Amino acid sequence: MIRRLKSFDREALESILKRTKQFKAEEVNVALELIDIALNFPAQTDYHIFVYEDQEKVLGYHCTGRRPMTDAVYDMYWIVVDPDTSGKGVGKKLLQHATEFVKELNGRWLLAETSSKETYEKTKLFYMNNNFKVIAQIDDFYSEGDSLLVFGKRL
């Protein structure tokens, strides 16, 4: 089941983020900051967070929001699956949900940014296998040798 974030999900999401090997502590902190904004300011509309739950266990989530200064472009800020559940279709279902959610809001594009590092190879393949394509690249963005890849899907 995919449902909106609830306050009791925070602990499970923090655990998932910390156990995801490619995330640095700084990245985990940013993800938690967005989770906290969504939880503490329920009227805000910048970050929409949905969790994937199976048998009362949270297995992943996505965080999506409209890109400021655009009329209908949405960012998928985070899509994270419990490392113990990886490869079982949870990510694909979350991505499908994010896509449908954006379509319901009359979004034109869904964008996802990621690193070019080799540790993100599975992430890049995940997007490509789900009909996203690289629409922009900024070399040496995060650091020397670590480029920003922007994947996009026109809806």
N, C-alpha and C. Protein backbone atom coordinates (compact mmCIF):
# COMPACT_ATOMS: atom_id res chain seq x y z
N MET A 1 0.84 -1.17 0.00
CA MET A 1 0.00 0.00 0.00
C MET A 1 0.89 1.24 0.00
N ILE A 2 0.50 2.22 -0.79
CA ILE A 2 1.19 3.51 -0.80
C ILE A 2 0.23 4.53 -0.20
N ARG A 3 0.74 5.26 0.79
CA ARG A 3 -0.10 6.22 1.50
C ARG A 3 0.74 7.43 1.90
N ARG A 4 0.04 8.47 2.31
CA ARG A 4 0.74 9.69 2.75
C ARG A 4 1.54 9.43 4.03
N LEU A 5 2.60 10.18 4.17
CA LEU A 5 3.47 10.12 5.35
C LEU A 5 2.69 10.44 6.62
N LYS A 6 3.00 9.68 7.69
CA LYS A 6 2.44 9.95 9.02
C LYS A 6 3.61 10.09 9.99
N SER A 7 3.38 10.75 11.10
CA SER A 7 4.47 11.05 12.04
C SER A 7 5.19 9.79 12.52
N PHE A 8 4.46 8.70 12.70
CA PHE A 8 5.11 7.48 13.19
C PHE A 8 6.01 6.81 12.15
N ASP A 9 6.02 7.30 10.91
CA ASP A 9 6.88 6.74 9.85
C ASP A 9 8.32 7.26 9.94
N ARG A 10 8.53 8.37 10.64
CA ARG A 10 9.84 9.02 10.62
C ARG A 10 10.97 8.09 11.04
N GLU A 11 10.78 7.36 12.11
CA GLU A 11 11.83 6.48 12.61
C GLU A 11 12.22 5.42 11.58
N ALA A 12 11.23 4.82 10.94
CA ALA A 12 11.51 3.80 9.92
C ALA A 12 12.23 4.42 8.73
N LEU A 13 11.82 5.61 8.32
CA LEU A 13 12.47 6.26 7.18
C LEU A 13 13.90 6.64 7.51
N GLU A 14 14.12 7.12 8.72
CA GLU A 14 15.49 7.45 9.14
C GLU A 14 16.37 6.19 9.09
N SER A 15 15.86 5.09 9.56
CA SER A 15 16.61 3.83 9.53
C SER A 15 16.95 3.42 8.09
N ILE A 16 15.97 3.52 7.21
CA ILE A 16 16.19 3.16 5.80
C ILE A 16 17.26 4.07 5.19
N LEU A 17 17.15 5.37 5.42
CA LEU A 17 18.12 6.31 4.87
C LEU A 17 19.53 6.02 5.38
N LYS A 18 19.66 5.76 6.67
CA LYS A 18 20.98 5.51 7.25
C LYS A 18 21.58 4.19 6.78
N ARG A 19 20.73 3.22 6.43
CA ARG A 19 21.23 1.92 5.96
C ARG A 19 21.47 1.89 4.45
N THR A 20 21.13 2.96 3.75
CA THR A 20 21.37 3.03 2.31
C THR A 20 22.80 3.49 2.10
N LYS A 21 23.65 2.58 1.63
CA LYS A 21 25.09 2.78 1.61
C LYS A 21 25.56 3.97 0.79
N GLN A 22 24.88 4.29 -0.32
CA GLN A 22 25.40 5.37 -1.13
C GLN A 22 25.14 6.76 -0.54
N PHE A 23 24.30 6.87 0.48
CA PHE A 23 24.01 8.18 1.07
C PHE A 23 25.05 8.55 2.12
N LYS A 24 25.58 9.76 1.98
CA LYS A 24 26.47 10.32 3.00
C LYS A 24 25.59 10.90 4.12
N ALA A 25 26.19 11.15 5.26
CA ALA A 25 25.46 11.71 6.40
C ALA A 25 24.76 13.02 6.02
N GLU A 26 25.40 13.85 5.23
CA GLU A 26 24.81 15.12 4.81
C GLU A 26 23.54 14.89 3.99
N GLU A 27 23.55 13.87 3.14
CA GLU A 27 22.37 13.56 2.33
C GLU A 27 21.22 13.05 3.21
N VAL A 28 21.55 12.21 4.17
CA VAL A 28 20.54 11.72 5.10
C VAL A 28 19.91 12.89 5.85
N ASN A 29 20.74 13.83 6.28
CA ASN A 29 20.23 15.00 7.00
C ASN A 29 19.28 15.83 6.14
N VAL A 30 19.61 16.00 4.87
CA VAL A 30 18.73 16.76 3.98
C VAL A 30 17.40 16.03 3.79
N ALA A 31 17.46 14.73 3.60
CA ALA A 31 16.23 13.94 3.44
C ALA A 31 15.36 14.06 4.69
N LEU A 32 15.97 13.96 5.84
CA LEU A 32 15.22 14.07 7.10
C LEU A 32 14.65 15.47 7.29
N GLU A 33 15.36 16.47 6.82
CA GLU A 33 14.86 17.83 6.90
C GLU A 33 13.55 17.98 6.11
N LEU A 34 13.50 17.40 4.93
CA LEU A 34 12.27 17.47 4.12
C LEU A 34 11.14 16.68 4.77
N ILE A 35 11.48 15.54 5.34
CA ILE A 35 10.48 14.74 6.07
C ILE A 35 9.92 15.55 7.23
N ASP A 36 10.80 16.22 7.97
CA ASP A 36 10.36 17.02 9.11
C ASP A 36 9.49 18.20 8.68
N ILE A 37 9.84 18.83 7.57
CA ILE A 37 9.01 19.92 7.06
C ILE A 37 7.62 19.41 6.73
N ALA A 38 7.56 18.27 6.04
CA ALA A 38 6.25 17.70 5.67
C ALA A 38 5.44 17.34 6.91
N LEU A 39 6.10 16.83 7.94
CA LEU A 39 5.39 16.43 9.16
C LEU A 39 4.99 17.62 10.03
N ASN A 40 5.86 18.60 10.15
CA ASN A 40 5.63 19.70 11.08
C ASN A 40 4.81 20.85 10.50
N PHE A 41 4.69 20.88 9.19
CA PHE A 41 3.92 21.94 8.54
C PHE A 41 2.95 21.31 7.55
N PRO A 42 1.91 20.68 8.04
CA PRO A 42 1.00 19.93 7.17
C PRO A 42 0.32 20.76 6.09
N ALA A 43 0.24 22.07 6.25
CA ALA A 43 -0.39 22.91 5.23
C ALA A 43 0.55 23.24 4.08
N GLN A 44 1.85 22.97 4.23
CA GLN A 44 2.80 23.29 3.16
C GLN A 44 2.52 22.39 1.95
N THR A 45 2.89 22.88 0.78
CA THR A 45 2.63 22.12 -0.45
C THR A 45 3.90 21.90 -1.27
N ASP A 46 5.06 22.18 -0.67
CA ASP A 46 6.31 22.02 -1.40
C ASP A 46 6.77 20.57 -1.48
N TYR A 47 6.49 19.79 -0.44
CA TYR A 47 6.98 18.42 -0.36
C TYR A 47 5.82 17.47 -0.05
N HIS A 48 5.54 16.60 -1.01
CA HIS A 48 4.50 15.59 -0.85
C HIS A 48 5.22 14.26 -0.65
N ILE A 49 5.03 13.66 0.51
CA ILE A 49 5.74 12.41 0.81
C ILE A 49 4.74 11.29 0.98
N PHE A 50 5.04 10.20 0.26
CA PHE A 50 4.23 8.99 0.31
C PHE A 50 5.13 7.83 0.68
N VAL A 51 4.64 6.94 1.53
CA VAL A 51 5.40 5.76 1.93
C VAL A 51 4.78 4.50 1.33
N TYR A 52 5.63 3.54 1.10
CA TYR A 52 5.21 2.21 0.67
C TYR A 52 5.23 1.34 1.91
N GLU A 53 4.09 0.76 2.24
CA GLU A 53 3.97 -0.06 3.44
C GLU A 53 3.45 -1.45 3.05
N ASP A 54 4.05 -2.46 3.63
CA ASP A 54 3.60 -3.83 3.42
C ASP A 54 3.57 -4.52 4.78
N GLN A 55 2.43 -5.05 5.15
CA GLN A 55 2.25 -5.73 6.43
C GLN A 55 2.74 -4.86 7.59
N GLU A 56 2.32 -3.61 7.57
CA GLU A 56 2.63 -2.63 8.61
C GLU A 56 4.11 -2.30 8.74
N LYS A 57 4.89 -2.59 7.69
CA LYS A 57 6.31 -2.25 7.69
C LYS A 57 6.57 -1.30 6.52
N VAL A 58 7.20 -0.17 6.83
CA VAL A 58 7.54 0.81 5.80
C VAL A 58 8.76 0.31 5.04
N LEU A 59 8.63 0.24 3.70
CA LEU A 59 9.70 -0.30 2.87
C LEU A 59 10.33 0.75 1.95
N GLY A 60 9.80 1.96 1.95
CA GLY A 60 10.37 3.00 1.11
C GLY A 60 9.44 4.20 1.04
N TYR A 61 9.91 5.22 0.31
CA TYR A 61 9.10 6.43 0.17
C TYR A 61 9.55 7.24 -1.04
N HIS A 62 8.68 8.16 -1.45
CA HIS A 62 9.10 9.18 -2.41
C HIS A 62 8.64 10.53 -1.91
N CYS A 63 9.42 11.53 -2.26
CA CYS A 63 9.14 12.92 -1.92
C CYS A 63 9.13 13.71 -3.22
N THR A 64 7.99 14.30 -3.54
CA THR A 64 7.80 14.97 -4.81
C THR A 64 7.20 16.35 -4.57
N GLY A 65 7.59 17.32 -5.39
CA GLY A 65 7.01 18.65 -5.27
C GLY A 65 7.20 19.46 -6.53
N ARG A 66 6.35 20.47 -6.69
CA ARG A 66 6.45 21.34 -7.87
C ARG A 66 7.71 22.19 -7.76
N ARG A 67 8.42 22.26 -8.87
CA ARG A 67 9.64 23.07 -8.92
C ARG A 67 9.24 24.54 -8.89
N PRO A 68 9.81 25.30 -7.96
CA PRO A 68 9.49 26.73 -7.90
C PRO A 68 9.76 27.41 -9.25
N MET A 69 8.96 28.41 -9.54
CA MET A 69 9.09 29.25 -10.73
C MET A 69 8.63 28.54 -12.01
N THR A 70 8.00 27.38 -11.88
CA THR A 70 7.46 26.69 -13.06
C THR A 70 5.96 26.53 -12.87
N ASP A 71 5.28 26.33 -14.00
CA ASP A 71 3.84 26.14 -13.90
C ASP A 71 3.45 24.68 -13.73
N ALA A 72 4.29 23.74 -14.16
CA ALA A 72 3.87 22.34 -14.11
C ALA A 72 5.03 21.36 -14.18
N VAL A 73 6.18 21.74 -13.64
CA VAL A 73 7.33 20.84 -13.60
C VAL A 73 7.51 20.40 -12.16
N TYR A 74 7.67 19.11 -11.96
CA TYR A 74 7.79 18.54 -10.62
C TYR A 74 9.13 17.85 -10.46
N ASP A 75 9.67 17.98 -9.25
CA ASP A 75 10.90 17.29 -8.88
C ASP A 75 10.55 16.10 -8.01
N MET A 76 11.23 15.00 -8.24
CA MET A 76 11.18 13.89 -7.30
C MET A 76 12.46 14.05 -6.48
N TYR A 77 12.31 14.65 -5.32
CA TYR A 77 13.45 14.97 -4.49
C TYR A 77 14.11 13.71 -3.94
N TRP A 78 13.29 12.74 -3.58
CA TRP A 78 13.81 11.49 -3.02
C TRP A 78 12.92 10.33 -3.44
N ILE A 79 13.55 9.23 -3.75
CA ILE A 79 12.86 7.95 -3.86
C ILE A 79 13.85 6.95 -3.26
N VAL A 80 13.42 6.32 -2.17
CA VAL A 80 14.33 5.48 -1.39
C VAL A 80 13.60 4.19 -1.03
N VAL A 81 14.31 3.08 -1.19
CA VAL A 81 13.76 1.77 -0.84
C VAL A 81 14.67 1.13 0.19
N ASP A 82 14.08 0.47 1.16
CA ASP A 82 14.83 -0.26 2.17
C ASP A 82 15.83 -1.18 1.47
N PRO A 83 17.13 -1.08 1.81
CA PRO A 83 18.13 -1.92 1.15
C PRO A 83 17.84 -3.41 1.26
N ASP A 84 17.14 -3.82 2.31
CA ASP A 84 16.80 -5.24 2.47
C ASP A 84 15.70 -5.67 1.52
N THR A 85 15.04 -4.72 0.88
CA THR A 85 13.91 -5.00 -0.01
C THR A 85 14.27 -4.71 -1.46
N SER A 86 15.45 -4.20 -1.71
CA SER A 86 15.87 -3.80 -3.05
C SER A 86 15.69 -4.93 -4.06
N GLY A 87 15.22 -4.57 -5.25
CA GLY A 87 15.04 -5.55 -6.33
C GLY A 87 13.72 -6.28 -6.30
N LYS A 88 12.80 -5.88 -5.44
CA LYS A 88 11.51 -6.58 -5.34
C LYS A 88 10.34 -5.76 -5.88
N GLY A 89 10.64 -4.68 -6.62
CA GLY A 89 9.59 -3.91 -7.27
C GLY A 89 9.03 -2.75 -6.49
N VAL A 90 9.52 -2.53 -5.28
CA VAL A 90 9.01 -1.42 -4.46
C VAL A 90 9.33 -0.08 -5.12
N GLY A 91 10.55 0.08 -5.58
CA GLY A 91 10.95 1.33 -6.23
C GLY A 91 10.12 1.63 -7.46
N LYS A 92 9.88 0.60 -8.25
CA LYS A 92 9.07 0.78 -9.47
C LYS A 92 7.65 1.23 -9.11
N LYS A 93 7.08 0.63 -8.08
CA LYS A 93 5.73 1.02 -7.66
C LYS A 93 5.71 2.45 -7.12
N LEU A 94 6.74 2.83 -6.37
CA LEU A 94 6.82 4.19 -5.87
C LEU A 94 6.98 5.19 -7.03
N LEU A 95 7.79 4.83 -8.01
CA LEU A 95 7.98 5.71 -9.17
C LEU A 95 6.69 5.84 -9.98
N GLN A 96 5.97 4.75 -10.14
CA GLN A 96 4.68 4.81 -10.83
C GLN A 96 3.71 5.70 -10.07
N HIS A 97 3.71 5.57 -8.75
CA HIS A 97 2.84 6.39 -7.92
C HIS A 97 3.20 7.87 -8.07
N ALA A 98 4.49 8.19 -8.01
CA ALA A 98 4.93 9.57 -8.16
C ALA A 98 4.49 10.13 -9.51
N THR A 99 4.63 9.34 -10.54
CA THR A 99 4.24 9.76 -11.89
C THR A 99 2.74 10.03 -11.96
N GLU A 100 1.95 9.13 -11.41
CA GLU A 100 0.49 9.31 -11.42
C GLU A 100 0.09 10.51 -10.56
N PHE A 101 0.75 10.69 -9.45
CA PHE A 101 0.47 11.83 -8.57
C PHE A 101 0.71 13.14 -9.32
N VAL A 102 1.83 13.23 -10.02
CA VAL A 102 2.15 14.45 -10.78
C VAL A 102 1.16 14.65 -11.93
N LYS A 103 0.78 13.56 -12.59
CA LYS A 103 -0.23 13.68 -13.66
C LYS A 103 -1.55 14.23 -13.12
N GLU A 104 -1.95 13.77 -11.94
CA GLU A 104 -3.19 14.25 -11.33
C GLU A 104 -3.14 15.75 -11.04
N LEU A 105 -1.94 16.27 -10.85
CA LEU A 105 -1.75 17.70 -10.60
C LEU A 105 -1.49 18.47 -11.90
N ASN A 106 -1.69 17.80 -13.03
CA ASN A 106 -1.48 18.38 -14.37
C ASN A 106 -0.03 18.76 -14.63
N GLY A 107 0.89 17.98 -14.05
CA GLY A 107 2.31 18.21 -14.28
C GLY A 107 2.71 17.83 -15.70
N ARG A 108 3.67 18.57 -16.26
CA ARG A 108 4.19 18.28 -17.60
C ARG A 108 5.45 17.43 -17.57
N TRP A 109 6.29 17.65 -16.56
CA TRP A 109 7.56 16.94 -16.44
C TRP A 109 7.71 16.42 -15.02
N LEU A 110 8.36 15.27 -14.91
CA LEU A 110 8.83 14.77 -13.62
C LEU A 110 10.34 14.63 -13.75
N LEU A 111 11.08 15.34 -12.89
CA LEU A 111 12.54 15.35 -12.94
C LEU A 111 13.12 14.66 -11.71
N ALA A 112 14.26 14.04 -11.90
CA ALA A 112 14.98 13.41 -10.79
C ALA A 112 16.47 13.65 -11.01
N GLU A 113 17.12 14.18 -10.00
CA GLU A 113 18.54 14.47 -10.09
C GLU A 113 19.33 13.39 -9.34
N THR A 114 20.48 13.03 -9.89
CA THR A 114 21.33 12.06 -9.22
C THR A 114 22.78 12.30 -9.60
N SER A 115 23.63 11.59 -8.95
CA SER A 115 25.07 11.68 -9.14
C SER A 115 25.51 10.78 -10.29
N SER A 116 26.61 11.17 -10.92
CA SER A 116 27.18 10.35 -11.99
C SER A 116 28.14 9.28 -11.45
N LYS A 117 28.38 9.30 -10.13
CA LYS A 117 29.34 8.35 -9.55
C LYS A 117 28.92 6.91 -9.83
N GLU A 118 29.91 6.05 -9.89
CA GLU A 118 29.67 4.63 -10.16
C GLU A 118 28.75 3.99 -9.12
N THR A 119 28.78 4.48 -7.89
CA THR A 119 27.92 3.94 -6.84
C THR A 119 26.44 4.20 -7.12
N TYR A 120 26.15 5.08 -8.08
CA TYR A 120 24.77 5.37 -8.46
C TYR A 120 24.37 4.71 -9.78
N GLU A 121 25.14 3.74 -10.21
CA GLU A 121 24.86 3.07 -11.48
C GLU A 121 23.48 2.40 -11.47
N LYS A 122 23.12 1.73 -10.38
CA LYS A 122 21.80 1.10 -10.28
C LYS A 122 20.70 2.14 -10.36
N THR A 123 20.93 3.30 -9.77
CA THR A 123 19.95 4.38 -9.79
C THR A 123 19.73 4.86 -11.22
N LYS A 124 20.83 5.06 -11.94
CA LYS A 124 20.73 5.53 -13.33
C LYS A 124 19.98 4.50 -14.19
N LEU A 125 20.30 3.24 -14.02
CA LEU A 125 19.61 2.18 -14.77
C LEU A 125 18.13 2.12 -14.40
N PHE A 126 17.83 2.32 -13.14
CA PHE A 126 16.45 2.32 -12.68
C PHE A 126 15.64 3.37 -13.43
N TYR A 127 16.16 4.58 -13.51
CA TYR A 127 15.43 5.63 -14.24
C TYR A 127 15.30 5.30 -15.72
N MET A 128 16.38 4.87 -16.33
CA MET A 128 16.33 4.55 -17.77
C MET A 128 15.36 3.40 -18.05
N ASN A 129 15.33 2.40 -17.18
CA ASN A 129 14.42 1.28 -17.37
C ASN A 129 12.96 1.65 -17.14
N ASN A 130 12.73 2.84 -16.59
CA ASN A 130 11.37 3.31 -16.33
C ASN A 130 11.03 4.54 -17.18
N ASN A 131 11.62 4.59 -18.37
CA ASN A 131 11.29 5.58 -19.39
C ASN A 131 11.68 7.01 -19.05
N PHE A 132 12.67 7.18 -18.21
CA PHE A 132 13.28 8.48 -17.99
C PHE A 132 14.52 8.55 -18.88
N LYS A 133 14.90 9.75 -19.24
CA LYS A 133 16.14 9.91 -20.00
C LYS A 133 16.94 11.06 -19.41
N VAL A 134 18.24 11.05 -19.64
CA VAL A 134 19.09 12.13 -19.18
C VAL A 134 18.77 13.34 -20.05
N ILE A 135 18.30 14.42 -19.40
CA ILE A 135 17.97 15.63 -20.16
C ILE A 135 18.96 16.76 -19.88
N ALA A 136 19.83 16.57 -18.88
CA ALA A 136 20.86 17.56 -18.59
C ALA A 136 21.97 16.91 -17.78
N GLN A 137 23.17 17.46 -17.96
CA GLN A 137 24.32 17.02 -17.19
C GLN A 137 25.20 18.22 -16.92
N ILE A 138 25.61 18.37 -15.66
CA ILE A 138 26.55 19.43 -15.29
C ILE A 138 27.77 18.73 -14.72
N ASP A 139 28.86 18.80 -15.46
CA ASP A 139 30.09 18.13 -15.04
C ASP A 139 30.66 18.75 -13.78
N ASP A 140 31.27 17.91 -12.96
CA ASP A 140 31.95 18.33 -11.73
C ASP A 140 31.05 19.19 -10.84
N PHE A 141 29.78 18.84 -10.76
CA PHE A 141 28.80 19.62 -10.01
C PHE A 141 28.94 19.42 -8.51
N TYR A 142 28.85 18.17 -8.07
CA TYR A 142 28.93 17.87 -6.64
C TYR A 142 30.36 18.01 -6.13
N SER A 143 31.29 17.55 -6.95
CA SER A 143 32.72 17.66 -6.67
C SER A 143 33.45 17.28 -7.95
N GLU A 144 34.75 17.42 -7.97
CA GLU A 144 35.52 17.04 -9.15
C GLU A 144 35.23 15.58 -9.49
N GLY A 145 34.83 15.32 -10.71
CA GLY A 145 34.55 13.96 -11.15
C GLY A 145 33.17 13.45 -10.78
N ASP A 146 32.37 14.25 -10.14
CA ASP A 146 31.01 13.84 -9.74
C ASP A 146 30.01 14.82 -10.34
N SER A 147 29.45 14.41 -11.47
CA SER A 147 28.54 15.26 -12.21
C SER A 147 27.10 15.11 -11.74
N LEU A 148 26.32 16.14 -11.99
CA LEU A 148 24.88 16.10 -11.75
C LEU A 148 24.22 15.59 -13.01
N LEU A 149 23.39 14.56 -12.87
CA LEU A 149 22.58 14.05 -13.98
C LEU A 149 21.13 14.37 -13.66
N VAL A 150 20.44 14.99 -14.61
CA VAL A 150 19.03 15.27 -14.45
C VAL A 150 18.27 14.34 -15.38
N PHE A 151 17.51 13.44 -14.77
CA PHE A 151 16.65 12.54 -15.54
C PHE A 151 15.28 13.17 -15.61
N GLY A 152 14.62 13.01 -16.74
CA GLY A 152 13.30 13.57 -16.88
C GLY A 152 12.38 12.67 -17.66
N LYS A 153 11.11 12.83 -17.38
CA LYS A 153 10.05 12.12 -18.09
C LYS A 153 8.96 13.14 -18.39
N ARG A 154 8.68 13.33 -19.66
CA ARG A 154 7.61 14.23 -20.05
C ARG A 154 6.30 13.46 -19.91
N LEU A 155 5.33 14.07 -19.25
CA LEU A 155 4.07 13.38 -18.95
C LEU A 155 2.97 13.78 -19.93
